[in-house]
C-alpha atoms as a PDB file:
ATOM      1  CA  ALA A   1      20.649 -50.142 -23.532  1.00  0.00           C
ATOM      2  CA  GLU A   2      23.563 -50.955 -25.767  1.00  0.00           C
ATOM      3  CA  LEU A   3      26.899 -49.579 -24.586  1.00  0.00           C
ATOM      4  CA  GLY A   4      30.409 -50.126 -25.824  1.00  0.00           C
ATOM      5  CA  VAL A   5      33.957 -49.824 -24.556  1.00  0.00           C
ATOM      6  CA  GLY A   6      36.968 -50.587 -26.699  1.00  0.00           C
ATOM      7  CA  MET A   7      35.914 -53.377 -29.060  1.00  0.00           C
ATOM      8  CA  TYR A   8      33.342 -54.776 -26.611  1.00  0.00           C
ATOM      9  CA  ARG A   9      29.558 -54.496 -26.673  1.00  0.00           C
ATOM     10  CA  ILE A  10      27.580 -54.403 -23.434  1.00  0.00           C
ATOM     11  CA  GLU A  11      23.863 -55.066 -22.989  1.00  0.00           C
ATOM     12  CA  ALA A  12      23.029 -52.934 -19.962  1.00  0.00           C
ATOM     13  CA  GLU A  13      19.884 -52.737 -17.915  1.00  0.00           C
ATOM     14  CA  VAL A  14      19.242 -49.129 -16.954  1.00  0.00           C
ATOM     15  CA  ALA A  15      18.729 -47.976 -13.369  1.00  0.00           C
ATOM     16  CA  ASN A  16      17.672 -44.333 -13.683  1.00  0.00           C
ATOM     17  CA  THR A  17      15.011 -43.968 -10.971  1.00  0.00           C
ATOM     18  CA  PRO A  18      15.522 -43.848  -7.190  1.00  0.00           C
ATOM     19  CA  GLN A  19      13.871 -47.278  -6.819  1.00  0.00           C
ATOM     20  CA  SER A  20      15.804 -48.981  -9.636  1.00  0.00           C
ATOM     21  CA  ARG A  21      19.099 -47.502  -8.377  1.00  0.00           C
ATOM     22  CA  GLN A  22      18.341 -48.722  -4.845  1.00  0.00           C
ATOM     23  CA  ILE A  23      17.492 -52.284  -5.956  1.00  0.00           C
ATOM     24  CA  GLY A  24      20.197 -52.618  -8.612  1.00  0.00           C
ATOM     25  CA  LEU A  25      21.194 -56.271  -9.076  1.00  0.00           C
ATOM     26  CA  MET A  26      19.985 -57.428  -5.648  1.00  0.00           C
ATOM     27  CA  ASN A  27      18.570 -60.947  -5.268  1.00  0.00           C
ATOM     28  CA  ARG A  28      19.907 -62.222  -8.607  1.00  0.00           C
ATOM     29  CA  HIS A  29      22.022 -65.348  -8.773  1.00  0.00           C
ATOM     30  CA  ALA A  30      23.543 -65.046 -12.259  1.00  0.00           C
ATOM     31  CA  MET A  31      24.123 -62.591 -15.098  1.00  0.00           C
ATOM     32  CA  PRO A  32      25.247 -63.375 -18.674  1.00  0.00           C
ATOM     33  CA  ALA A  33      28.843 -62.391 -19.449  1.00  0.00           C
ATOM     34  CA  GLN A  34      28.080 -59.505 -21.836  1.00  0.00           C
ATOM     35  CA  ARG A  35      25.367 -58.001 -19.634  1.00  0.00           C
ATOM     36  CA  GLY A  36      25.490 -55.451 -16.873  1.00  0.00           C
ATOM     37  CA  MET A  37      23.580 -52.648 -15.206  1.00  0.00           C
ATOM     38  CA  VAL A  38      24.236 -48.946 -15.729  1.00  0.00           C
ATOM     39  CA  PHE A  39      23.209 -46.538 -13.002  1.00  0.00           C
ATOM     40  CA  VAL A  40      22.295 -43.039 -14.218  1.00  0.00           C
ATOM     41  CA  PHE A  41      22.600 -40.484 -11.418  1.00  0.00           C
ATOM     42  CA  THR A  42      20.839 -37.120 -11.216  1.00  0.00           C
ATOM     43  CA  GLN A  43      24.116 -35.303 -10.651  1.00  0.00           C
ATOM     44  CA  ALA A  44      27.813 -35.986 -10.959  1.00  0.00           C
ATOM     45  CA  ALA A  45      29.235 -36.737  -7.506  1.00  0.00           C
ATOM     46  CA  SER A  46      31.422 -39.207  -5.635  1.00  0.00           C
ATOM     47  CA  HIS A  47      28.685 -41.857  -5.611  1.00  0.00           C
ATOM     48  CA  CYS A  48      29.189 -45.081  -3.662  1.00  0.00           C
ATOM     49  CA  MET A  49      27.905 -48.626  -4.215  1.00  0.00           C
ATOM     50  CA  TRP A  50      27.546 -51.633  -1.923  1.00  0.00           C
ATOM     51  CA  MET A  51      26.482 -55.266  -2.238  1.00  0.00           C
ATOM     52  CA  LYS A  52      23.764 -55.799   0.387  1.00  0.00           C
ATOM     53  CA  ASN A  53      21.459 -58.635  -0.773  1.00  0.00           C
ATOM     54  CA  THR A  54      23.550 -59.117  -3.937  1.00  0.00           C
ATOM     55  CA  TYR A  55      24.637 -62.687  -4.729  1.00  0.00           C
ATOM     56  CA  ILE A  56      26.750 -62.062  -7.844  1.00  0.00           C
ATOM     57  CA  PRO A  57      30.385 -60.923  -7.416  1.00  0.00           C
ATOM     58  CA  LEU A  58      30.601 -57.667  -9.365  1.00  0.00           C
ATOM     59  CA  SER A  59      33.039 -55.088 -10.668  1.00  0.00           C
ATOM     60  CA  VAL A  60      31.825 -51.491 -10.830  1.00  0.00           C
ATOM     61  CA  ALA A  61      33.212 -48.775 -13.079  1.00  0.00           C
ATOM     62  CA  PHE A  62      32.479 -45.186 -12.093  1.00  0.00           C
ATOM     63  CA  ILE A  63      32.130 -42.961 -15.156  1.00  0.00           C
ATOM     64  CA  ASP A  64      32.195 -39.175 -15.562  1.00  0.00           C
ATOM     65  CA  ASP A  65      29.976 -36.911 -17.701  1.00  0.00           C
ATOM     66  CA  ASP A  66      32.283 -37.422 -20.697  1.00  0.00           C
ATOM     67  CA  GLY A  67      32.048 -41.232 -20.537  1.00  0.00           C
ATOM     68  CA  ARG A  68      35.552 -41.678 -19.092  1.00  0.00           C
ATOM     69  CA  ILE A  69      36.071 -44.393 -16.482  1.00  0.00           C
ATOM     70  CA  LEU A  70      37.312 -42.766 -13.288  1.00  0.00           C
ATOM     71  CA  ASN A  71      38.025 -45.972 -11.368  1.00  0.00           C
ATOM     72  CA  ILE A  72      36.959 -49.617 -11.135  1.00  0.00           C
ATOM     73  CA  ALA A  73      36.252 -51.440  -7.876  1.00  0.00           C
ATOM     74  CA  GLU A  74      35.822 -55.147  -7.126  1.00  0.00           C
ATOM     75  CA  MET A  75      32.841 -55.905  -4.897  1.00  0.00           C
ATOM     76  CA  THR A  76      32.120 -58.945  -2.716  1.00  0.00           C
ATOM     77  CA  PRO A  77      28.605 -60.437  -2.486  1.00  0.00           C
ATOM     78  CA  HIS A  78      26.559 -59.498   0.597  1.00  0.00           C
ATOM     79  CA  SER A  79      29.121 -56.922   1.712  1.00  0.00           C
ATOM     80  CA  GLU A  80      28.026 -53.563   3.083  1.00  0.00           C
ATOM     81  CA  GLU A  81      31.468 -52.094   2.362  1.00  0.00           C
ATOM     82  CA  SER A  82      31.155 -48.901   0.303  1.00  0.00           C
ATOM     83  CA  HIS A  83      32.991 -48.598  -3.009  1.00  0.00           C
ATOM     84  CA  CYS A  84      33.123 -44.980  -4.141  1.00  0.00           C
ATOM     85  CA  ALA A  85      33.926 -42.992  -7.256  1.00  0.00           C
ATOM     86  CA  ALA A  86      37.353 -41.387  -7.362  1.00  0.00           C
ATOM     87  CA  GLY A  87      35.775 -38.197  -8.691  1.00  0.00           C
ATOM     88  CA  ALA A  88      32.507 -36.737  -9.944  1.00  0.00           C
ATOM     89  CA  ALA A  89      30.713 -39.719 -11.516  1.00  0.00           C
ATOM     90  CA  ARG A  90      27.486 -39.393 -13.508  1.00  0.00           C
ATOM     91  CA  TYR A  91      27.231 -43.144 -14.139  1.00  0.00           C
ATOM     92  CA  ALA A  92      28.233 -46.469 -12.625  1.00  0.00           C
ATOM     93  CA  LEU A  93      28.415 -49.682 -14.666  1.00  0.00           C
ATOM     94  CA  GLU A  94      28.252 -53.030 -12.845  1.00  0.00           C
ATOM     95  CA  MET A  95      29.523 -56.109 -14.661  1.00  0.00           C
ATOM     96  CA  ASN A  96      30.424 -59.615 -13.522  1.00  0.00           C
ATOM     97  CA  GLN A  97      33.545 -59.492 -11.359  1.00  0.00           C
ATOM     98  CA  GLY A  98      36.721 -59.449 -13.423  1.00  0.00           C
ATOM     99  CA  TRP A  99      35.012 -58.458 -16.687  1.00  0.00           C
ATOM    100  CA  PHE A 100      36.907 -55.165 -17.043  1.00  0.00           C
ATOM    101  CA  ALA A 101      40.286 -56.720 -16.117  1.00  0.00           C
ATOM    102  CA  ALA A 102      39.779 -59.662 -18.493  1.00  0.00           C
ATOM    103  CA  LYS A 103      39.130 -57.227 -21.352  1.00  0.00           C
ATOM    104  CA  GLY A 104      42.063 -54.960 -20.439  1.00  0.00           C
ATOM    105  CA  ILE A 105      39.719 -52.043 -19.671  1.00  0.00           C
ATOM    106  CA  GLU A 106      41.094 -49.596 -17.113  1.00  0.00           C
ATOM    107  CA  ALA A 107      40.548 -46.107 -15.748  1.00  0.00           C
ATOM    108  CA  GLY A 108      40.675 -43.595 -18.594  1.00  0.00           C
ATOM    109  CA  ALA A 109      38.813 -45.774 -21.115  1.00  0.00           C
ATOM    110  CA  ARG A 110      35.697 -44.182 -22.640  1.00  0.00           C
ATOM    111  CA  LEU A 111      32.265 -45.744 -22.924  1.00  0.00           C
ATOM    112  CA  ARG A 112      30.036 -45.292 -25.952  1.00  0.00           C
ATOM    113  CA  GLY A 113      26.254 -45.102 -25.902  1.00  0.00           C
ATOM    114  CA  LEU A 114      25.770 -43.159 -22.676  1.00  0.00           C
ATOM    115  CA  ASP A 115      24.215 -40.293 -24.651  1.00  0.00           C
ATOM    116  CA  ARG A 116      21.325 -42.597 -25.636  1.00  0.00           C
ATOM    117  CA  LEU A 117      20.389 -43.517 -22.055  1.00  0.00           C
ATOM    118  CA  PRO A 118      17.132 -42.257 -20.584  1.00  0.00           C
ATOM    119  CA  PRO A 119      17.574 -39.282 -18.251  1.00  0.00           C
ATOM    120  CA  PRO A 120      17.768 -39.797 -14.513  1.00  0.00           C
ATOM    121  CA  ARG A 121      14.686 -39.276 -12.380  1.00  0.00           C
END
């Protein structure tokens, strides 16, 4: 899926099924700079993410129903530490660690393209 935030374009793989959300970016060793994975949840809630079996250092943005970033967390490879949404998140977007900070994207920014994502299952 193609998403956008600010002046930046993101090529996002979509995780909208229980299996794809559970696997996420596990067992991968690299990801191109403009790519990420967007998790589409069945309901808005304080969802949490972790890094079990994940080799790539990632940043995750938790996003509400309106496309607004609630908070961004930095995640360490192979960690089972939970990183949770600061509010009711409908989506989570994982990018390479530091991507959001390098682009000056912070909580409150709005993502484009979420309305074109397939529905959660």
